[in-house]
Amino acid sequence: MTATGHTTLWTRRVGAAAAVALGVGLAAGIPAATASAAPAQCTPQARAAAVAQAAPAIAGVLARHPDLAAELAHVRTLPKDQRRSEIRAFRKTHREEFKELRAARTPIRDHHRECHPKR
């Protein structure tokens, strides 16, 4: 074998080994890249999009149930420590309205759940 033939063979082997190593490295990186793309977009823009998506449904529920809208407006005027008990008392007598409101808020709740998991 000549010096040129030996160099060509060696170059092919090193090139093949490098290609295999590169392929394995890329294949190992694909699941990590896919996994990093899976989490929700927890940006202010994504939150605003969730709110914008839910807003028409929430407005519809409040328009159909003016008593619910009035109660929520009233609760906002109360001191913070009294709000929860007031809402609970109202919710006991208006279960269906609160179910509708909860369903309307689904995009906002989903965004919050994805971006603020419980620890």
N, C-alpha and C. Protein backbone atom coordinates (compact mmCIF):
# COMPACT_ATOMS: atom_id res chain seq x y z
N MET A 1 0.84 -1.16 0.00
CA MET A 1 0.00 0.00 0.00
C MET A 1 0.89 1.22 0.00
N THR A 2 0.52 2.19 -0.78
CA THR A 2 1.31 3.40 -0.87
C THR A 2 0.92 4.37 0.23
N ALA A 3 1.71 5.41 0.37
CA ALA A 3 1.44 6.40 1.40
C ALA A 3 0.13 7.11 1.11
N THR A 4 -0.15 7.35 -0.14
CA THR A 4 -1.39 8.04 -0.52
C THR A 4 -2.58 7.14 -0.25
N GLY A 5 -2.49 5.87 -0.56
CA GLY A 5 -3.58 4.92 -0.32
C GLY A 5 -3.87 4.78 1.16
N HIS A 6 -2.79 4.73 1.95
CA HIS A 6 -2.96 4.61 3.40
C HIS A 6 -3.64 5.84 3.98
N THR A 7 -3.26 7.01 3.53
CA THR A 7 -3.84 8.26 4.00
C THR A 7 -5.31 8.34 3.63
N THR A 8 -5.67 7.92 2.44
CA THR A 8 -7.06 7.95 2.00
C THR A 8 -7.91 7.00 2.84
N LEU A 9 -7.41 5.80 3.10
CA LEU A 9 -8.14 4.84 3.92
C LEU A 9 -8.33 5.38 5.33
N TRP A 10 -7.26 5.94 5.88
CA TRP A 10 -7.33 6.49 7.23
C TRP A 10 -8.32 7.65 7.27
N THR A 11 -8.33 8.51 6.28
CA THR A 11 -9.24 9.65 6.21
C THR A 11 -10.68 9.16 6.14
N ARG A 12 -10.93 8.11 5.39
CA ARG A 12 -12.29 7.56 5.29
C ARG A 12 -12.76 7.02 6.63
N ARG A 13 -11.89 6.31 7.32
CA ARG A 13 -12.27 5.74 8.62
C ARG A 13 -12.55 6.84 9.64
N VAL A 14 -11.66 7.82 9.69
CA VAL A 14 -11.85 8.93 10.63
C VAL A 14 -13.12 9.70 10.26
N GLY A 15 -13.35 9.90 9.00
CA GLY A 15 -14.56 10.61 8.54
C GLY A 15 -15.81 9.82 8.90
N ALA A 16 -15.78 8.51 8.73
CA ALA A 16 -16.93 7.67 9.07
C ALA A 16 -17.18 7.69 10.57
N ALA A 17 -16.11 7.61 11.35
CA ALA A 17 -16.26 7.64 12.81
C ALA A 17 -16.82 9.00 13.26
N ALA A 18 -16.35 10.05 12.63
CA ALA A 18 -16.86 11.38 12.98
C ALA A 18 -18.33 11.52 12.61
N ALA A 19 -18.70 10.97 11.48
CA ALA A 19 -20.09 11.04 11.05
C ALA A 19 -20.99 10.26 12.01
N VAL A 20 -20.53 9.08 12.43
CA VAL A 20 -21.30 8.29 13.39
C VAL A 20 -21.42 9.04 14.71
N ALA A 21 -20.32 9.60 15.19
CA ALA A 21 -20.34 10.34 16.45
C ALA A 21 -21.27 11.55 16.35
N LEU A 22 -21.23 12.24 15.23
CA LEU A 22 -22.09 13.39 15.03
C LEU A 22 -23.55 12.96 14.99
N GLY A 23 -23.83 11.86 14.30
CA GLY A 23 -25.20 11.34 14.22
C GLY A 23 -25.73 10.95 15.58
N VAL A 24 -24.91 10.28 16.37
CA VAL A 24 -25.33 9.87 17.71
C VAL A 24 -25.56 11.11 18.57
N GLY A 25 -24.68 12.09 18.45
CA GLY A 25 -24.83 13.32 19.23
C GLY A 25 -26.10 14.06 18.85
N LEU A 26 -26.40 14.13 17.57
CA LEU A 26 -27.62 14.79 17.14
C LEU A 26 -28.85 14.03 17.58
N ALA A 27 -28.80 12.71 17.48
CA ALA A 27 -29.94 11.90 17.90
C ALA A 27 -30.18 12.05 19.40
N ALA A 28 -29.14 12.17 20.16
CA ALA A 28 -29.29 12.35 21.60
C ALA A 28 -29.86 13.72 21.91
N GLY A 29 -29.58 14.68 21.07
CA GLY A 29 -30.07 16.03 21.30
C GLY A 29 -31.52 16.24 20.89
N ILE A 30 -32.06 15.40 20.04
CA ILE A 30 -33.43 15.57 19.55
C ILE A 30 -34.45 15.44 20.67
N PRO A 31 -34.40 14.42 21.53
CA PRO A 31 -35.41 14.37 22.59
C PRO A 31 -35.33 15.57 23.52
N ALA A 32 -34.16 16.05 23.79
CA ALA A 32 -34.03 17.21 24.67
C ALA A 32 -34.64 18.45 24.02
N ALA A 33 -34.42 18.61 22.74
CA ALA A 33 -34.99 19.76 22.05
C ALA A 33 -36.51 19.66 22.00
N THR A 34 -37.03 18.47 21.76
CA THR A 34 -38.47 18.28 21.72
C THR A 34 -39.07 18.50 23.09
N ALA A 35 -38.42 18.01 24.13
CA ALA A 35 -38.94 18.17 25.48
C ALA A 35 -38.93 19.63 25.90
N SER A 36 -37.92 20.38 25.48
CA SER A 36 -37.86 21.77 25.88
C SER A 36 -38.91 22.60 25.16
N ALA A 37 -39.39 22.14 24.02
CA ALA A 37 -40.42 22.87 23.29
C ALA A 37 -41.81 22.58 23.84
N ALA A 38 -41.97 21.53 24.62
CA ALA A 38 -43.27 21.12 25.10
C ALA A 38 -43.88 22.03 26.17
N PRO A 39 -43.11 22.60 27.11
CA PRO A 39 -43.74 23.40 28.16
C PRO A 39 -44.48 24.62 27.59
N ALA A 40 -45.45 25.03 28.33
CA ALA A 40 -46.26 26.18 27.90
C ALA A 40 -45.42 27.45 27.82
N GLN A 41 -45.89 28.36 27.03
CA GLN A 41 -45.23 29.65 26.93
C GLN A 41 -45.68 30.49 28.11
N CYS A 42 -44.84 30.65 29.08
CA CYS A 42 -45.19 31.38 30.30
C CYS A 42 -44.68 32.82 30.22
N THR A 43 -45.20 33.51 29.25
CA THR A 43 -44.81 34.89 29.02
C THR A 43 -46.00 35.79 29.27
N PRO A 44 -45.77 37.07 29.44
CA PRO A 44 -46.91 37.99 29.58
C PRO A 44 -47.83 37.96 28.35
N GLN A 45 -47.25 37.74 27.18
CA GLN A 45 -48.05 37.67 25.97
C GLN A 45 -48.98 36.45 25.99
N ALA A 46 -48.47 35.31 26.48
CA ALA A 46 -49.29 34.10 26.55
C ALA A 46 -50.41 34.27 27.57
N ARG A 47 -50.12 34.94 28.67
CA ARG A 47 -51.15 35.19 29.67
C ARG A 47 -52.22 36.11 29.09
N ALA A 48 -51.80 37.14 28.39
CA ALA A 48 -52.75 38.07 27.77
C ALA A 48 -53.61 37.35 26.73
N ALA A 49 -53.01 36.42 26.01
CA ALA A 49 -53.77 35.65 25.02
C ALA A 49 -54.82 34.78 25.71
N ALA A 50 -54.47 34.17 26.84
CA ALA A 50 -55.43 33.35 27.58
C ALA A 50 -56.58 34.21 28.10
N VAL A 51 -56.26 35.38 28.60
CA VAL A 51 -57.30 36.29 29.09
C VAL A 51 -58.19 36.75 27.94
N ALA A 52 -57.58 37.07 26.81
CA ALA A 52 -58.36 37.51 25.64
C ALA A 52 -59.26 36.39 25.13
N GLN A 53 -58.79 35.16 25.21
CA GLN A 53 -59.60 34.02 24.76
C GLN A 53 -60.79 33.82 25.69
N ALA A 54 -60.61 34.00 26.98
CA ALA A 54 -61.68 33.77 27.95
C ALA A 54 -62.64 34.95 28.08
N ALA A 55 -62.21 36.14 27.75
CA ALA A 55 -63.00 37.35 28.00
C ALA A 55 -64.41 37.31 27.40
N PRO A 56 -64.61 36.92 26.15
CA PRO A 56 -65.98 36.90 25.61
C PRO A 56 -66.90 35.92 26.36
N ALA A 57 -66.36 34.77 26.75
CA ALA A 57 -67.17 33.80 27.47
C ALA A 57 -67.53 34.32 28.86
N ILE A 58 -66.58 34.94 29.54
CA ILE A 58 -66.85 35.51 30.86
C ILE A 58 -67.88 36.62 30.75
N ALA A 59 -67.73 37.48 29.76
CA ALA A 59 -68.70 38.57 29.55
C ALA A 59 -70.09 38.02 29.28
N GLY A 60 -70.17 36.93 28.54
CA GLY A 60 -71.46 36.29 28.27
C GLY A 60 -72.11 35.75 29.53
N VAL A 61 -71.34 35.11 30.38
CA VAL A 61 -71.87 34.58 31.64
C VAL A 61 -72.37 35.72 32.51
N LEU A 62 -71.59 36.77 32.62
CA LEU A 62 -71.99 37.90 33.46
C LEU A 62 -73.21 38.63 32.89
N ALA A 63 -73.35 38.65 31.56
CA ALA A 63 -74.52 39.28 30.94
C ALA A 63 -75.78 38.44 31.18
N ARG A 64 -75.64 37.12 31.16
CA ARG A 64 -76.79 36.25 31.40
C ARG A 64 -77.19 36.20 32.87
N HIS A 65 -76.24 36.51 33.76
CA HIS A 65 -76.50 36.42 35.20
C HIS A 65 -76.11 37.75 35.87
N PRO A 66 -76.97 38.75 35.77
CA PRO A 66 -76.64 40.05 36.36
C PRO A 66 -76.47 39.99 37.88
N ASP A 67 -77.13 39.04 38.52
CA ASP A 67 -76.96 38.91 39.97
C ASP A 67 -75.54 38.47 40.31
N LEU A 68 -74.96 37.62 39.50
CA LEU A 68 -73.57 37.20 39.69
C LEU A 68 -72.62 38.38 39.46
N ALA A 69 -72.88 39.15 38.41
CA ALA A 69 -72.04 40.31 38.12
C ALA A 69 -72.11 41.31 39.26
N ALA A 70 -73.31 41.54 39.80
CA ALA A 70 -73.47 42.48 40.91
C ALA A 70 -72.76 41.98 42.16
N GLU A 71 -72.85 40.68 42.42
CA GLU A 71 -72.18 40.12 43.59
C GLU A 71 -70.66 40.23 43.47
N LEU A 72 -70.12 39.93 42.29
CA LEU A 72 -68.67 40.04 42.11
C LEU A 72 -68.21 41.50 42.26
N ALA A 73 -69.00 42.43 41.76
CA ALA A 73 -68.66 43.85 41.93
C ALA A 73 -68.72 44.24 43.41
N HIS A 74 -69.72 43.70 44.12
CA HIS A 74 -69.83 43.99 45.56
C HIS A 74 -68.65 43.42 46.34
N VAL A 75 -68.25 42.21 46.00
CA VAL A 75 -67.15 41.55 46.70
C VAL A 75 -65.86 42.35 46.54
N ARG A 76 -65.67 42.97 45.41
CA ARG A 76 -64.45 43.76 45.19
C ARG A 76 -64.37 44.97 46.11
N THR A 77 -65.51 45.41 46.62
CA THR A 77 -65.51 46.56 47.52
C THR A 77 -65.23 46.17 48.97
N LEU A 78 -65.31 44.88 49.27
CA LEU A 78 -65.10 44.41 50.64
C LEU A 78 -63.62 44.32 50.98
N PRO A 79 -63.31 44.38 52.26
CA PRO A 79 -61.91 44.13 52.67
C PRO A 79 -61.51 42.70 52.29
N LYS A 80 -60.26 42.52 52.01
CA LYS A 80 -59.77 41.24 51.49
C LYS A 80 -60.13 40.06 52.40
N ASP A 81 -60.09 40.24 53.71
CA ASP A 81 -60.36 39.13 54.62
C ASP A 81 -61.83 38.71 54.64
N GLN A 82 -62.72 39.51 54.09
CA GLN A 82 -64.15 39.18 54.06
C GLN A 82 -64.60 38.61 52.71
N ARG A 83 -63.79 38.73 51.71
CA ARG A 83 -64.19 38.33 50.35
C ARG A 83 -64.49 36.85 50.23
N ARG A 84 -63.63 36.03 50.77
CA ARG A 84 -63.79 34.58 50.60
C ARG A 84 -65.11 34.09 51.21
N SER A 85 -65.42 34.52 52.41
CA SER A 85 -66.66 34.06 53.05
C SER A 85 -67.89 34.57 52.29
N GLU A 86 -67.83 35.78 51.78
CA GLU A 86 -68.95 36.34 51.01
C GLU A 86 -69.17 35.54 49.72
N ILE A 87 -68.09 35.22 49.03
CA ILE A 87 -68.20 34.43 47.79
C ILE A 87 -68.74 33.04 48.09
N ARG A 88 -68.24 32.41 49.14
CA ARG A 88 -68.72 31.05 49.49
C ARG A 88 -70.21 31.05 49.79
N ALA A 89 -70.68 32.03 50.53
CA ALA A 89 -72.10 32.10 50.85
C ALA A 89 -72.94 32.29 49.59
N PHE A 90 -72.50 33.15 48.70
CA PHE A 90 -73.24 33.38 47.45
C PHE A 90 -73.18 32.15 46.55
N ARG A 91 -72.03 31.50 46.51
CA ARG A 91 -71.86 30.33 45.64
C ARG A 91 -72.78 29.18 46.05
N LYS A 92 -73.05 29.04 47.34
CA LYS A 92 -73.93 27.95 47.80
C LYS A 92 -75.32 28.08 47.23
N THR A 93 -75.78 29.29 47.00
CA THR A 93 -77.14 29.49 46.48
C THR A 93 -77.16 29.69 44.96
N HIS A 94 -76.02 29.81 44.33
CA HIS A 94 -75.94 30.06 42.89
C HIS A 94 -74.91 29.12 42.24
N ARG A 95 -75.07 27.84 42.45
CA ARG A 95 -74.08 26.85 41.96
C ARG A 95 -73.93 26.84 40.44
N GLU A 96 -75.03 26.87 39.73
CA GLU A 96 -74.97 26.79 38.26
C GLU A 96 -74.24 27.98 37.65
N GLU A 97 -74.48 29.16 38.19
CA GLU A 97 -73.81 30.35 37.67
C GLU A 97 -72.29 30.24 37.86
N PHE A 98 -71.89 29.74 39.02
CA PHE A 98 -70.46 29.60 39.27
C PHE A 98 -69.84 28.50 38.40
N LYS A 99 -70.60 27.45 38.08
CA LYS A 99 -70.10 26.42 37.17
C LYS A 99 -69.86 27.02 35.79
N GLU A 100 -70.81 27.84 35.34
CA GLU A 100 -70.64 28.50 34.04
C GLU A 100 -69.44 29.43 34.04
N LEU A 101 -69.29 30.19 35.11
CA LEU A 101 -68.15 31.12 35.20
C LEU A 101 -66.83 30.34 35.21
N ARG A 102 -66.79 29.26 35.94
CA ARG A 102 -65.57 28.43 36.00
C ARG A 102 -65.23 27.88 34.61
N ALA A 103 -66.24 27.42 33.89
CA ALA A 103 -66.01 26.90 32.54
C ALA A 103 -65.51 28.01 31.61
N ALA A 104 -66.04 29.21 31.77
CA ALA A 104 -65.62 30.33 30.93
C ALA A 104 -64.18 30.72 31.21
N ARG A 105 -63.72 30.52 32.43
CA ARG A 105 -62.36 30.91 32.81
C ARG A 105 -61.33 29.81 32.52
N THR A 106 -61.71 28.74 31.86
CA THR A 106 -60.82 27.61 31.61
C THR A 106 -59.49 28.00 30.97
N PRO A 107 -59.44 28.82 29.93
CA PRO A 107 -58.13 29.17 29.35
C PRO A 107 -57.19 29.85 30.35
N ILE A 108 -57.75 30.70 31.20
CA ILE A 108 -56.93 31.38 32.19
C ILE A 108 -56.43 30.39 33.24
N ARG A 109 -57.32 29.52 33.70
CA ARG A 109 -56.93 28.52 34.70
C ARG A 109 -55.89 27.56 34.13
N ASP A 110 -56.05 27.15 32.88
CA ASP A 110 -55.08 26.24 32.26
C ASP A 110 -53.70 26.89 32.17
N HIS A 111 -53.67 28.14 31.76
CA HIS A 111 -52.39 28.86 31.68
C HIS A 111 -51.74 28.95 33.05
N HIS A 112 -52.53 29.29 34.05
CA HIS A 112 -51.99 29.41 35.41
C HIS A 112 -51.46 28.07 35.91
N ARG A 113 -52.19 27.01 35.66
CA ARG A 113 -51.79 25.68 36.11
C ARG A 113 -50.48 25.25 35.44
N GLU A 114 -50.31 25.54 34.16
CA GLU A 114 -49.10 25.16 33.45
C GLU A 114 -47.90 26.00 33.86
N CYS A 115 -48.13 27.27 34.14
CA CYS A 115 -47.01 28.17 34.41
C CYS A 115 -46.69 28.32 35.89
N HIS A 116 -47.59 27.91 36.75
CA HIS A 116 -47.39 28.03 38.20
C HIS A 116 -47.76 26.72 38.87
N PRO A 117 -47.02 25.65 38.59
CA PRO A 117 -47.36 24.36 39.20
C PRO A 117 -47.19 24.40 40.72
N LYS A 118 -48.00 23.61 41.38
CA LYS A 118 -47.88 23.54 42.85
C LYS A 118 -46.59 22.84 43.18
N ARG A 119 -45.97 23.29 44.24
CA ARG A 119 -44.67 22.72 44.61
C ARG A 119 -44.81 21.61 45.59
